[in-house]
Protein backbone atom coordinates (compact mmCIF):
# COMPACT_ATOMS: atom_id res chain seq x y z
CA MET A 1 22.80 33.24 -34.62
CA GLN A 2 22.94 33.63 -38.42
CA ILE A 3 24.09 31.19 -40.79
CA ASN A 4 26.52 32.78 -43.04
CA TYR A 5 26.88 29.84 -45.42
CA ARG A 6 25.56 30.00 -48.98
CA LEU A 7 24.36 27.11 -51.08
CA SER A 8 25.99 26.43 -54.47
CA GLN A 9 24.34 28.45 -57.07
CA GLU A 10 22.58 25.27 -58.41
CA HIS A 11 21.03 24.42 -55.30
CA GLU A 12 20.52 28.38 -54.44
CA GLU A 13 18.59 28.51 -57.77
CA LEU A 14 16.38 25.41 -57.18
CA PHE A 15 15.69 26.56 -53.87
CA LEU A 16 14.54 30.17 -54.79
CA THR A 17 12.67 28.48 -57.85
CA GLN A 18 10.95 26.18 -55.66
CA ILE A 19 9.70 29.04 -53.05
CA ARG A 20 8.57 31.37 -56.03
CA ILE A 21 6.37 28.31 -57.48
CA ILE A 22 4.95 27.31 -54.17
CA ASN A 23 4.34 30.89 -53.46
CA ASP A 24 2.75 31.55 -56.56
CA THR A 25 0.59 28.44 -56.81
CA SER A 26 -0.94 27.80 -53.40
CA ARG A 27 -1.64 29.30 -50.03
CA PHE A 28 1.72 29.27 -48.70
CA PRO A 29 1.81 32.85 -48.28
CA GLU A 30 -1.21 32.54 -45.70
CA SER A 31 1.18 31.01 -43.50
CA ARG A 32 2.85 34.38 -42.92
CA GLN A 33 0.12 35.19 -40.59
CA TYR A 34 0.75 32.33 -38.24
CA ILE A 35 3.26 32.18 -35.67
CA GLN A 36 5.40 28.88 -34.99
CA HIS A 37 7.96 29.23 -32.68
CA GLY A 38 8.82 32.26 -30.56
CA ILE A 39 8.58 35.44 -33.01
CA THR A 40 8.99 33.44 -36.20
CA SER A 41 5.98 32.88 -38.52
CA VAL A 42 5.19 29.36 -39.94
CA TYR A 43 6.52 30.93 -43.50
CA GLN A 44 9.79 32.20 -42.10
CA HIS A 45 10.23 28.78 -40.07
CA SER A 46 9.39 26.34 -43.46
CA ILE A 47 11.65 28.62 -45.27
CA SER A 48 14.43 28.02 -42.88
CA VAL A 49 13.92 24.68 -42.59
CA ALA A 50 14.24 23.98 -46.40
CA TYR A 51 17.56 26.30 -46.35
CA VAL A 52 19.05 24.15 -43.27
CA SER A 53 18.18 21.10 -45.01
CA CYS A 54 19.74 22.20 -48.28
CA LEU A 55 22.93 23.30 -46.26
CA LEU A 56 23.16 19.81 -44.38
CA ALA A 57 22.71 18.04 -47.64
CA GLU A 58 25.35 19.85 -49.39
CA HIS A 59 27.82 20.08 -46.52
CA LEU A 60 27.27 16.27 -46.26
CA LYS A 61 27.72 15.67 -49.81
CA LEU A 62 24.60 13.46 -50.01
CA LYS A 63 23.04 12.26 -53.19
CA ILE A 64 19.48 12.94 -52.79
CA ASP A 65 16.44 14.24 -54.54
CA TRP A 66 16.92 17.75 -54.13
CA LEU A 67 13.70 18.96 -55.69
CA SER A 68 11.55 16.51 -53.23
CA MET A 69 13.32 17.58 -50.27
CA ILE A 70 13.06 21.24 -50.73
CA ARG A 71 9.10 20.81 -51.53
CA GLY A 72 8.81 18.57 -48.41
CA ALA A 73 10.57 21.08 -46.26
CA LEU A 74 8.41 24.03 -47.52
CA LEU A 75 5.43 22.20 -46.99
CA HIS A 76 6.06 20.12 -44.00
CA ASP A 77 4.04 22.48 -41.73
CA TYR A 78 1.35 23.61 -44.29
CA PHE A 79 -1.43 23.18 -41.60
CA LEU A 80 -2.88 27.08 -42.08
CA TYR A 81 -4.13 27.63 -38.61
CA ASP A 82 -2.86 29.13 -35.53
CA TRP A 83 -2.04 26.45 -33.10
CA HIS A 84 -1.85 28.67 -30.10
CA GLU A 85 -5.45 29.51 -30.15
CA LYS A 86 -7.75 27.77 -27.98
CA ASP A 87 -9.48 25.36 -30.27
CA ALA A 88 -10.70 21.77 -30.15
CA GLY A 89 -9.08 21.40 -33.57
CA HIS A 90 -5.62 22.32 -32.50
CA ARG A 91 -5.27 20.07 -29.46
CA LEU A 92 -2.38 17.90 -29.33
CA HIS A 93 -0.77 20.18 -32.47
CA GLY A 94 2.45 18.39 -32.38
CA PHE A 95 0.93 14.94 -32.86
CA HIS A 96 -1.92 15.97 -35.59
CA HIS A 97 -0.65 18.62 -37.68
CA PRO A 98 1.57 16.59 -39.89
CA ALA A 99 -1.63 15.00 -41.40
CA ARG A 100 -3.44 18.39 -41.66
CA ALA A 101 -0.24 19.61 -43.40
CA LEU A 102 -0.34 16.70 -45.89
CA LYS A 103 -4.21 17.43 -46.26
CA ASN A 104 -3.57 20.95 -47.19
CA ALA A 105 -0.50 19.99 -49.59
CA ARG A 106 -2.44 17.43 -51.45
CA GLU A 107 -5.22 19.92 -52.14
CA ASP A 108 -2.90 22.51 -53.56
CA PHE A 109 -0.08 20.19 -55.12
CA THR A 110 0.66 16.68 -56.83
CA LEU A 111 3.04 15.14 -54.23
CA ASN A 112 5.51 12.10 -54.76
CA ASP A 113 5.93 9.45 -51.97
CA THR A 114 9.16 11.41 -50.76
CA GLU A 115 7.39 14.72 -50.29
CA THR A 116 4.37 12.94 -48.66
CA PHE A 117 6.49 10.98 -46.38
CA ILE A 118 8.68 14.11 -45.25
CA ILE A 119 5.33 15.96 -44.46
CA LEU A 120 3.79 13.13 -42.36
CA ARG A 121 6.94 11.94 -40.56
CA HIS A 122 8.94 15.30 -39.85
CA MET A 123 7.52 14.96 -36.02
CA PHE A 124 9.53 11.92 -35.21
CA PRO A 125 9.98 10.86 -32.33
CA LEU A 126 6.84 12.80 -31.24
CA THR A 127 5.11 10.73 -33.82
CA PRO A 128 5.89 7.02 -33.92
CA ILE A 129 7.01 6.28 -37.48
CA PRO A 130 10.32 7.32 -38.40
CA PRO A 131 11.09 9.22 -41.69
CA ALA A 132 11.27 6.82 -44.92
CA SER A 133 14.17 8.55 -46.68
CA ILE A 134 17.37 10.09 -46.34
CA GLU A 135 15.55 13.43 -47.49
CA GLY A 136 13.04 12.98 -44.36
CA TRP A 137 15.69 12.57 -41.97
CA ILE A 138 17.52 15.59 -43.29
CA VAL A 139 14.14 17.57 -42.87
CA CYS A 140 13.21 16.11 -39.65
CA PHE A 141 16.75 16.94 -38.21
CA ALA A 142 16.58 20.66 -39.83
CA ASP A 143 13.13 21.19 -38.06
CA LYS A 144 14.40 20.14 -34.56
CA ILE A 145 17.56 22.75 -35.22
CA CYS A 146 15.41 25.55 -36.73
CA SER A 147 12.70 24.95 -33.97
CA SER A 148 15.22 25.00 -30.85
CA PHE A 149 16.81 28.47 -32.01
CA GLU A 150 13.41 29.93 -33.00
CA THR A 151 12.09 29.12 -29.44
CA PHE A 152 14.73 31.25 -27.96
CA HIS A 153 13.86 34.20 -30.57
CA GLN A 154 17.11 33.41 -32.61
CA PRO A 155 15.92 32.56 -36.25
CA LEU A 156 18.88 30.88 -38.00
CA VAL A 157 17.94 32.43 -41.52
CA GLY A 158 18.26 35.98 -41.32
CA ALA A 159 15.07 38.48 -42.10
CA GLY A 160 17.23 40.15 -44.86
CA TYR A 161 17.43 36.76 -46.49
CA LEU A 162 13.64 35.99 -46.22
CA SER A 163 12.58 39.46 -47.29
CA ILE A 164 13.59 38.66 -51.03
CA MET A 165 10.33 36.40 -50.86
CA SER A 166 8.01 38.97 -49.49
């Protein structure tokens, strides 16, 4: 299943600009080498979560901090390792990777509170503390939607769309 919806021009431009900035100023492109769910890389997953977050916010006509939501969504899984490998550091990945993603994101970026809590709390309810903002709830929900489809080898955002970021 592919989403055929498009964002408004304003939000599409903000979305694409943030991907370019994050690609050009961090280790984010390294996430292409790690599989997240099914056959979907962490890179593809993160872009999909950010895009679906934008679609949800736009569709629901929510008044949000768009920049923080997009940046938080792109960096929510910025852990930079293959969690499928047998390694003591990867045990209980679902519980621990938000803190690792936050640590890496803080090394590469200055984050505001909204971005910080999006990254740290996106695994709710697996992790016990819920998101602290509407932006965090949107990303948490978009993450669950994208993960569900990706697990069954059905990425929501098509490879053609993602190829513009290669």
